[in-house]
Amino acid sequence: MPSTTVTVGSAVGLHARPATLIAEAVTALGSPVTLALPDGDPVDAGSALMIMTLGAEKGASIVVDGDDQAAVDQIAAMVEQDLDAD
């Protein structure tokens, strides 16, 4: 299973707007992707609510797992971006 660890780039962490954008991207990809804090339980990245339950703030490490390397890479890149920037 492809996996990578990235750092949260959004100034507000993985809260409402960033979580929604990531969840929408996962849904559009049609491939399951999970997010987790290191040593934490993975959550479905296709659900903004589940992403927000991580409580991941800017600078937190996030493990991105999935069945498809391209999907993992795309979502990992989104986690690293400041998705709350104008």
N, C-alpha and C. Protein backbone atom coordinates (compact mmCIF):
# COMPACT_ATOMS: atom_id res chain seq x y z
N MET A 1 0.85 -1.18 0.00
CA MET A 1 0.00 0.00 0.00
C MET A 1 0.89 1.24 0.00
N PRO A 2 0.77 2.11 -1.00
CA PRO A 2 1.58 3.33 -1.04
C PRO A 2 1.31 4.21 0.17
N SER A 3 2.37 4.80 0.69
CA SER A 3 2.25 5.64 1.88
C SER A 3 3.34 6.70 1.85
N THR A 4 3.02 7.88 2.39
CA THR A 4 4.01 8.93 2.52
C THR A 4 3.64 9.78 3.73
N THR A 5 4.64 10.43 4.32
CA THR A 5 4.41 11.32 5.44
C THR A 5 4.75 12.74 5.00
N VAL A 6 3.81 13.65 5.26
CA VAL A 6 3.98 15.05 4.86
C VAL A 6 3.65 15.96 6.04
N THR A 7 3.94 17.25 5.86
CA THR A 7 3.67 18.25 6.90
C THR A 7 2.51 19.12 6.47
N VAL A 8 1.57 19.36 7.39
CA VAL A 8 0.41 20.20 7.10
C VAL A 8 0.88 21.62 6.82
N GLY A 9 0.45 22.15 5.66
CA GLY A 9 0.88 23.48 5.25
C GLY A 9 -0.14 24.57 5.49
N SER A 10 -1.41 24.22 5.65
CA SER A 10 -2.44 25.24 5.84
C SER A 10 -2.27 25.95 7.17
N ALA A 11 -2.38 27.28 7.13
CA ALA A 11 -2.20 28.09 8.33
C ALA A 11 -3.19 27.71 9.43
N VAL A 12 -4.37 27.24 9.05
CA VAL A 12 -5.40 26.87 10.03
C VAL A 12 -5.39 25.37 10.32
N GLY A 13 -4.42 24.65 9.79
CA GLY A 13 -4.40 23.20 9.94
C GLY A 13 -5.44 22.55 9.04
N LEU A 14 -5.76 21.31 9.32
CA LEU A 14 -6.75 20.60 8.50
C LEU A 14 -8.14 20.81 9.06
N HIS A 15 -8.59 22.05 8.96
CA HIS A 15 -9.92 22.41 9.44
C HIS A 15 -10.87 22.54 8.26
N ALA A 16 -11.98 23.22 8.41
CA ALA A 16 -13.11 23.18 7.47
C ALA A 16 -12.75 23.30 5.99
N ARG A 17 -12.18 24.41 5.58
CA ARG A 17 -11.93 24.60 4.14
C ARG A 17 -10.90 23.61 3.59
N PRO A 18 -9.73 23.49 4.22
CA PRO A 18 -8.77 22.52 3.70
C PRO A 18 -9.32 21.09 3.71
N ALA A 19 -10.02 20.72 4.77
CA ALA A 19 -10.58 19.36 4.86
C ALA A 19 -11.59 19.12 3.76
N THR A 20 -12.41 20.11 3.47
CA THR A 20 -13.41 19.97 2.41
C THR A 20 -12.75 19.82 1.05
N LEU A 21 -11.75 20.62 0.77
CA LEU A 21 -11.06 20.53 -0.52
C LEU A 21 -10.38 19.17 -0.70
N ILE A 22 -9.76 18.67 0.37
CA ILE A 22 -9.11 17.36 0.30
C ILE A 22 -10.15 16.26 0.09
N ALA A 23 -11.24 16.30 0.85
CA ALA A 23 -12.29 15.28 0.73
C ALA A 23 -12.90 15.28 -0.67
N GLU A 24 -13.13 16.46 -1.23
CA GLU A 24 -13.67 16.54 -2.59
C GLU A 24 -12.70 15.93 -3.60
N ALA A 25 -11.41 16.17 -3.42
CA ALA A 25 -10.40 15.62 -4.33
C ALA A 25 -10.35 14.10 -4.23
N VAL A 26 -10.43 13.57 -3.02
CA VAL A 26 -10.42 12.11 -2.84
C VAL A 26 -11.64 11.50 -3.50
N THR A 27 -12.79 12.11 -3.32
CA THR A 27 -14.02 11.60 -3.94
C THR A 27 -13.89 11.60 -5.46
N ALA A 28 -13.34 12.67 -6.01
CA ALA A 28 -13.18 12.77 -7.47
C ALA A 28 -12.19 11.72 -8.00
N LEU A 29 -11.18 11.39 -7.20
CA LEU A 29 -10.19 10.40 -7.63
C LEU A 29 -10.79 9.00 -7.69
N GLY A 30 -11.75 8.71 -6.84
CA GLY A 30 -12.38 7.40 -6.84
C GLY A 30 -11.49 6.29 -6.30
N SER A 31 -10.48 6.66 -5.55
CA SER A 31 -9.57 5.69 -4.96
C SER A 31 -9.47 5.98 -3.47
N PRO A 32 -9.60 4.96 -2.61
CA PRO A 32 -9.57 5.24 -1.17
C PRO A 32 -8.21 5.77 -0.71
N VAL A 33 -8.29 6.79 0.14
CA VAL A 33 -7.10 7.40 0.73
C VAL A 33 -7.42 7.63 2.21
N THR A 34 -6.44 7.37 3.06
CA THR A 34 -6.61 7.66 4.48
C THR A 34 -5.54 8.63 4.94
N LEU A 35 -5.86 9.36 6.01
CA LEU A 35 -4.92 10.27 6.66
C LEU A 35 -4.82 9.86 8.12
N ALA A 36 -3.63 10.02 8.69
CA ALA A 36 -3.45 9.69 10.10
C ALA A 36 -2.30 10.50 10.67
N LEU A 37 -2.39 10.78 11.96
CA LEU A 37 -1.24 11.29 12.68
C LEU A 37 -0.31 10.09 12.89
N PRO A 38 1.00 10.29 12.96
CA PRO A 38 1.89 9.16 13.21
C PRO A 38 1.44 8.38 14.44
N ASP A 39 1.37 7.08 14.34
CA ASP A 39 0.93 6.19 15.42
C ASP A 39 -0.54 6.37 15.79
N GLY A 40 -1.29 7.10 14.94
CA GLY A 40 -2.72 7.30 15.20
C GLY A 40 -3.56 6.42 14.29
N ASP A 41 -4.85 6.40 14.55
CA ASP A 41 -5.77 5.64 13.71
C ASP A 41 -6.05 6.40 12.43
N PRO A 42 -6.04 5.72 11.28
CA PRO A 42 -6.33 6.39 10.01
C PRO A 42 -7.81 6.75 9.89
N VAL A 43 -8.06 7.86 9.19
CA VAL A 43 -9.43 8.27 8.91
C VAL A 43 -9.61 8.37 7.40
N ASP A 44 -10.85 8.23 6.96
CA ASP A 44 -11.20 8.31 5.55
C ASP A 44 -11.00 9.74 5.06
N ALA A 45 -10.09 9.93 4.12
CA ALA A 45 -9.81 11.26 3.60
C ALA A 45 -10.91 11.75 2.66
N GLY A 46 -11.89 10.91 2.35
CA GLY A 46 -13.02 11.31 1.54
C GLY A 46 -14.12 11.97 2.36
N SER A 47 -13.88 12.13 3.67
CA SER A 47 -14.84 12.75 4.57
C SER A 47 -14.20 13.94 5.28
N ALA A 48 -14.71 15.14 4.99
CA ALA A 48 -14.16 16.34 5.63
C ALA A 48 -14.30 16.25 7.14
N LEU A 49 -15.42 15.73 7.62
CA LEU A 49 -15.63 15.61 9.06
C LEU A 49 -14.58 14.71 9.70
N MET A 50 -14.28 13.58 9.05
CA MET A 50 -13.27 12.67 9.60
C MET A 50 -11.89 13.32 9.59
N ILE A 51 -11.57 14.07 8.54
CA ILE A 51 -10.28 14.77 8.48
C ILE A 51 -10.16 15.75 9.64
N MET A 52 -11.25 16.48 9.91
CA MET A 52 -11.21 17.47 10.99
C MET A 52 -11.05 16.81 12.35
N THR A 53 -11.48 15.55 12.51
CA THR A 53 -11.34 14.88 13.80
C THR A 53 -9.87 14.61 14.15
N LEU A 54 -8.99 14.69 13.16
CA LEU A 54 -7.56 14.50 13.44
C LEU A 54 -7.02 15.63 14.33
N GLY A 55 -7.61 16.82 14.18
CA GLY A 55 -7.11 17.96 14.95
C GLY A 55 -5.72 18.38 14.54
N ALA A 56 -5.36 18.14 13.28
CA ALA A 56 -4.00 18.42 12.80
C ALA A 56 -3.81 19.91 12.55
N GLU A 57 -2.86 20.49 13.24
CA GLU A 57 -2.53 21.90 13.10
C GLU A 57 -1.39 22.08 12.09
N LYS A 58 -1.14 23.33 11.70
CA LYS A 58 -0.04 23.63 10.79
C LYS A 58 1.25 23.06 11.36
N GLY A 59 2.01 22.38 10.52
CA GLY A 59 3.29 21.81 10.92
C GLY A 59 3.21 20.38 11.43
N ALA A 60 1.98 19.87 11.62
CA ALA A 60 1.83 18.49 12.08
C ALA A 60 2.22 17.52 10.97
N SER A 61 2.75 16.37 11.35
CA SER A 61 3.05 15.31 10.39
C SER A 61 1.79 14.50 10.15
N ILE A 62 1.53 14.19 8.89
CA ILE A 62 0.36 13.40 8.50
C ILE A 62 0.82 12.26 7.59
N VAL A 63 0.36 11.06 7.89
CA VAL A 63 0.64 9.90 7.06
C VAL A 63 -0.51 9.75 6.07
N VAL A 64 -0.17 9.73 4.79
CA VAL A 64 -1.16 9.57 3.72
C VAL A 64 -0.99 8.17 3.13
N ASP A 65 -2.05 7.36 3.19
CA ASP A 65 -2.03 5.99 2.65
C ASP A 65 -3.13 5.83 1.63
N GLY A 66 -2.94 4.92 0.70
CA GLY A 66 -3.98 4.62 -0.27
C GLY A 66 -3.61 3.42 -1.11
N ASP A 67 -4.51 3.07 -2.02
CA ASP A 67 -4.29 1.93 -2.91
C ASP A 67 -3.53 2.32 -4.17
N ASP A 68 -3.54 3.61 -4.50
CA ASP A 68 -2.98 4.09 -5.75
C ASP A 68 -1.92 5.16 -5.48
N GLN A 69 -0.71 4.96 -5.98
CA GLN A 69 0.39 5.89 -5.72
C GLN A 69 0.06 7.31 -6.21
N ALA A 70 -0.56 7.43 -7.36
CA ALA A 70 -0.88 8.76 -7.89
C ALA A 70 -1.87 9.48 -6.98
N ALA A 71 -2.84 8.76 -6.44
CA ALA A 71 -3.82 9.36 -5.53
C ALA A 71 -3.13 9.80 -4.24
N VAL A 72 -2.26 8.95 -3.70
CA VAL A 72 -1.51 9.30 -2.49
C VAL A 72 -0.67 10.55 -2.73
N ASP A 73 0.01 10.60 -3.86
CA ASP A 73 0.86 11.76 -4.18
C ASP A 73 0.03 13.03 -4.30
N GLN A 74 -1.12 12.95 -4.96
CA GLN A 74 -1.96 14.14 -5.14
C GLN A 74 -2.49 14.65 -3.81
N ILE A 75 -2.98 13.76 -2.96
CA ILE A 75 -3.53 14.19 -1.68
C ILE A 75 -2.41 14.66 -0.76
N ALA A 76 -1.27 14.01 -0.78
CA ALA A 76 -0.13 14.45 0.02
C ALA A 76 0.27 15.88 -0.36
N ALA A 77 0.29 16.17 -1.65
CA ALA A 77 0.63 17.51 -2.12
C ALA A 77 -0.39 18.54 -1.63
N MET A 78 -1.65 18.15 -1.58
CA MET A 78 -2.68 19.06 -1.07
C MET A 78 -2.50 19.33 0.43
N VAL A 79 -2.17 18.30 1.19
CA VAL A 79 -1.97 18.46 2.63
C VAL A 79 -0.83 19.44 2.89
N GLU A 80 0.19 19.40 2.04
CA GLU A 80 1.36 20.28 2.21
C GLU A 80 1.09 21.74 1.83
N GLN A 81 0.06 21.98 1.04
CA GLN A 81 -0.25 23.34 0.59
C GLN A 81 -1.03 24.12 1.64
N ASP A 82 -0.98 25.45 1.54
CA ASP A 82 -1.84 26.29 2.38
C ASP A 82 -3.15 26.45 1.63
N LEU A 83 -4.06 25.52 1.88
CA LEU A 83 -5.34 25.51 1.16
C LEU A 83 -6.30 26.56 1.66
N ASP A 84 -5.93 27.29 2.70
CA ASP A 84 -6.79 28.36 3.20
C ASP A 84 -6.34 29.72 2.71
N ALA A 85 -5.27 29.74 1.89
CA ALA A 85 -4.78 31.01 1.34
C ALA A 85 -5.73 31.51 0.26
N ASP A 86 -5.82 32.81 0.15
CA ASP A 86 -6.71 33.40 -0.87
C ASP A 86 -6.12 33.30 -2.25
